[in-house]
Amino acid sequence: MLALGWAVAVGCLWIAELGQHVRRHETLPADYAAVTLATGTVATLALEALATFSMRWTGAAASRSLQRQEWRHAFWWALFPNALLFCAAYVMIFGVE
């Protein structure tokens, strides 16, 4: 859940970066802001690798109902960090005065 939120936040920042470049220079950047996408993708893959390692280390849930309950817990535990990511993206995109 956290990796998905991270990927969406990076996507929002990438789109905002492209839009800002178009507003300033009236053209898209030469590399289409590939550095932002590359670093965001590396971070997303690292988060997902840590989650996969953790899941293999701890094992899967014993039943489908426990697995659903774990997904609900994962959603609620990832909600606050994802909200902070989107707040940071909002501040970077629009700025706070």
C-alpha atoms as a PDB file:
ATOM      1  CA  MET A   1       0.000   0.000   0.000  1.00  0.00           C
ATOM      2  CA  LEU A   2       2.819   2.367   0.850  1.00  0.00           C
ATOM      3  CA  ALA A   3       4.668   1.627  -2.403  1.00  0.00           C
ATOM      4  CA  LEU A   4       1.501   2.276  -4.390  1.00  0.00           C
ATOM      5  CA  GLY A   5       0.971   5.616  -2.635  1.00  0.00           C
ATOM      6  CA  TRP A   6       4.596   6.497  -3.274  1.00  0.00           C
ATOM      7  CA  ALA A   7       4.254   5.686  -6.990  1.00  0.00           C
ATOM      8  CA  VAL A   8       1.106   7.813  -7.327  1.00  0.00           C
ATOM      9  CA  ALA A   9       2.757  10.737  -5.478  1.00  0.00           C
ATOM     10  CA  VAL A  10       5.793  10.533  -7.775  1.00  0.00           C
ATOM     11  CA  GLY A  11       3.459  10.472 -10.775  1.00  0.00           C
ATOM     12  CA  CYS A  12       1.714  13.612  -9.530  1.00  0.00           C
ATOM     13  CA  LEU A  13       5.061  15.344  -9.020  1.00  0.00           C
ATOM     14  CA  TRP A  14       6.210  14.300 -12.494  1.00  0.00           C
ATOM     15  CA  ILE A  15       3.081  15.694 -14.144  1.00  0.00           C
ATOM     16  CA  ALA A  16       3.425  18.925 -12.148  1.00  0.00           C
ATOM     17  CA  GLU A  17       7.086  19.177 -13.139  1.00  0.00           C
ATOM     18  CA  LEU A  18       6.184  18.819 -16.810  1.00  0.00           C
ATOM     19  CA  GLY A  19       3.440  21.437 -16.462  1.00  0.00           C
ATOM     20  CA  GLN A  20       5.736  23.860 -14.681  1.00  0.00           C
ATOM     21  CA  HIS A  21       8.380  23.498 -17.386  1.00  0.00           C
ATOM     22  CA  VAL A  22       5.774  24.123 -20.094  1.00  0.00           C
ATOM     23  CA  ARG A  23       4.539  27.255 -18.277  1.00  0.00           C
ATOM     24  CA  ARG A  24       8.084  28.607 -17.916  1.00  0.00           C
ATOM     25  CA  HIS A  25       9.575  27.642 -21.290  1.00  0.00           C
ATOM     26  CA  GLU A  26       6.486  26.896 -23.438  1.00  0.00           C
ATOM     27  CA  THR A  27       7.887  23.484 -24.367  1.00  0.00           C
ATOM     28  CA  LEU A  28       8.322  20.096 -22.771  1.00  0.00           C
ATOM     29  CA  PRO A  29      11.707  19.330 -21.215  1.00  0.00           C
ATOM     30  CA  ALA A  30      14.184  17.546 -23.475  1.00  0.00           C
ATOM     31  CA  ASP A  31      14.330  14.450 -21.271  1.00  0.00           C
ATOM     32  CA  TYR A  32      10.649  14.619 -20.218  1.00  0.00           C
ATOM     33  CA  ALA A  33      11.812  14.835 -16.576  1.00  0.00           C
ATOM     34  CA  ALA A  34      13.113  11.284 -16.728  1.00  0.00           C
ATOM     35  CA  VAL A  35      15.236  11.798 -13.609  1.00  0.00           C
ATOM     36  CA  THR A  36      12.125  12.306 -11.500  1.00  0.00           C
ATOM     37  CA  LEU A  37      10.535   9.158 -12.880  1.00  0.00           C
ATOM     38  CA  ALA A  38      13.745   7.133 -12.528  1.00  0.00           C
ATOM     39  CA  THR A  39      14.385   8.068  -8.903  1.00  0.00           C
ATOM     40  CA  GLY A  40      10.711   7.619  -8.034  1.00  0.00           C
ATOM     41  CA  THR A  41      10.667   4.206  -9.704  1.00  0.00           C
ATOM     42  CA  VAL A  42      13.822   3.105  -7.863  1.00  0.00           C
ATOM     43  CA  ALA A  43      12.320   4.187  -4.533  1.00  0.00           C
ATOM     44  CA  THR A  44       9.017   2.458  -5.323  1.00  0.00           C
ATOM     45  CA  LEU A  45      10.780  -0.761  -6.278  1.00  0.00           C
ATOM     46  CA  ALA A  46      12.874  -0.600  -3.099  1.00  0.00           C
ATOM     47  CA  LEU A  47       9.743  -0.213  -0.966  1.00  0.00           C
ATOM     48  CA  GLU A  48       8.074  -3.100  -2.772  1.00  0.00           C
ATOM     49  CA  ALA A  49      11.187  -5.286  -2.392  1.00  0.00           C
ATOM     50  CA  LEU A  50      11.227  -4.596   1.347  1.00  0.00           C
ATOM     51  CA  ALA A  51       7.539  -5.480   1.560  1.00  0.00           C
ATOM     52  CA  THR A  52       8.068  -8.701  -0.398  1.00  0.00           C
ATOM     53  CA  PHE A  53      11.033  -9.670   1.780  1.00  0.00           C
ATOM     54  CA  SER A  54       8.998  -8.947   4.901  1.00  0.00           C
ATOM     55  CA  MET A  55       6.076 -11.036   3.630  1.00  0.00           C
ATOM     56  CA  ARG A  56       8.328 -13.985   2.793  1.00  0.00           C
ATOM     57  CA  TRP A  57      10.080 -13.688   6.138  1.00  0.00           C
ATOM     58  CA  THR A  58       6.880 -13.603   8.186  1.00  0.00           C
ATOM     59  CA  GLY A  59       4.831 -15.933   6.002  1.00  0.00           C
ATOM     60  CA  ALA A  60       1.329 -15.657   4.627  1.00  0.00           C
ATOM     61  CA  ALA A  61      -1.848 -15.490   6.674  1.00  0.00           C
ATOM     62  CA  ALA A  62      -3.381 -18.799   7.718  1.00  0.00           C
ATOM     63  CA  SER A  63      -6.801 -18.177   6.154  1.00  0.00           C
ATOM     64  CA  ARG A  64      -8.551 -15.907   3.649  1.00  0.00           C
ATOM     65  CA  SER A  65     -10.318 -13.975   6.408  1.00  0.00           C
ATOM     66  CA  LEU A  66      -7.018 -13.289   8.162  1.00  0.00           C
ATOM     67  CA  GLN A  67      -5.486 -12.256   4.852  1.00  0.00           C
ATOM     68  CA  ARG A  68      -8.333  -9.777   4.283  1.00  0.00           C
ATOM     69  CA  GLN A  69      -7.870  -8.472   7.797  1.00  0.00           C
ATOM     70  CA  GLU A  70      -4.145  -7.982   7.146  1.00  0.00           C
ATOM     71  CA  TRP A  71      -4.942  -6.001   3.997  1.00  0.00           C
ATOM     72  CA  ARG A  72      -7.304  -3.781   5.972  1.00  0.00           C
ATOM     73  CA  HIS A  73      -4.590  -3.200   8.570  1.00  0.00           C
ATOM     74  CA  ALA A  74      -2.056  -2.491   5.822  1.00  0.00           C
ATOM     75  CA  PHE A  75      -4.429   0.077   4.336  1.00  0.00           C
ATOM     76  CA  TRP A  76      -4.976   1.891   7.640  1.00  0.00           C
ATOM     77  CA  TRP A  77      -1.283   1.751   8.605  1.00  0.00           C
ATOM     78  CA  ALA A  78      -0.258   3.127   5.195  1.00  0.00           C
ATOM     79  CA  LEU A  79      -2.952   5.825   5.147  1.00  0.00           C
ATOM     80  CA  PHE A  80      -1.084   8.343   7.329  1.00  0.00           C
ATOM     81  CA  PRO A  81       2.316   8.017   5.558  1.00  0.00           C
ATOM     82  CA  ASN A  82       0.549   8.247   2.189  1.00  0.00           C
ATOM     83  CA  ALA A  83      -1.322  11.340   3.368  1.00  0.00           C
ATOM     84  CA  LEU A  84       2.009  12.880   4.363  1.00  0.00           C
ATOM     85  CA  LEU A  85       3.429  12.032   0.923  1.00  0.00           C
ATOM     86  CA  PHE A  86       0.515  13.747  -0.794  1.00  0.00           C
ATOM     87  CA  CYS A  87       0.790  16.768   1.506  1.00  0.00           C
ATOM     88  CA  ALA A  88       4.481  17.038   0.606  1.00  0.00           C
ATOM     89  CA  ALA A  89       3.626  16.707  -3.090  1.00  0.00           C
ATOM     90  CA  TYR A  90       0.935  19.387  -2.728  1.00  0.00           C
ATOM     91  CA  VAL A  91       3.377  21.762  -1.064  1.00  0.00           C
ATOM     92  CA  MET A  92       6.017  21.115  -3.732  1.00  0.00           C
ATOM     93  CA  ILE A  93       3.509  21.640  -6.539  1.00  0.00           C
ATOM     94  CA  PHE A  94       1.534  24.622  -5.280  1.00  0.00           C
ATOM     95  CA  GLY A  95       3.722  26.035  -2.524  1.00  0.00           C
ATOM     96  CA  VAL A  96       2.473  27.491   0.703  1.00  0.00           C
ATOM     97  CA  GLU A  97       2.635  31.194   1.304  1.00  0.00           C
END
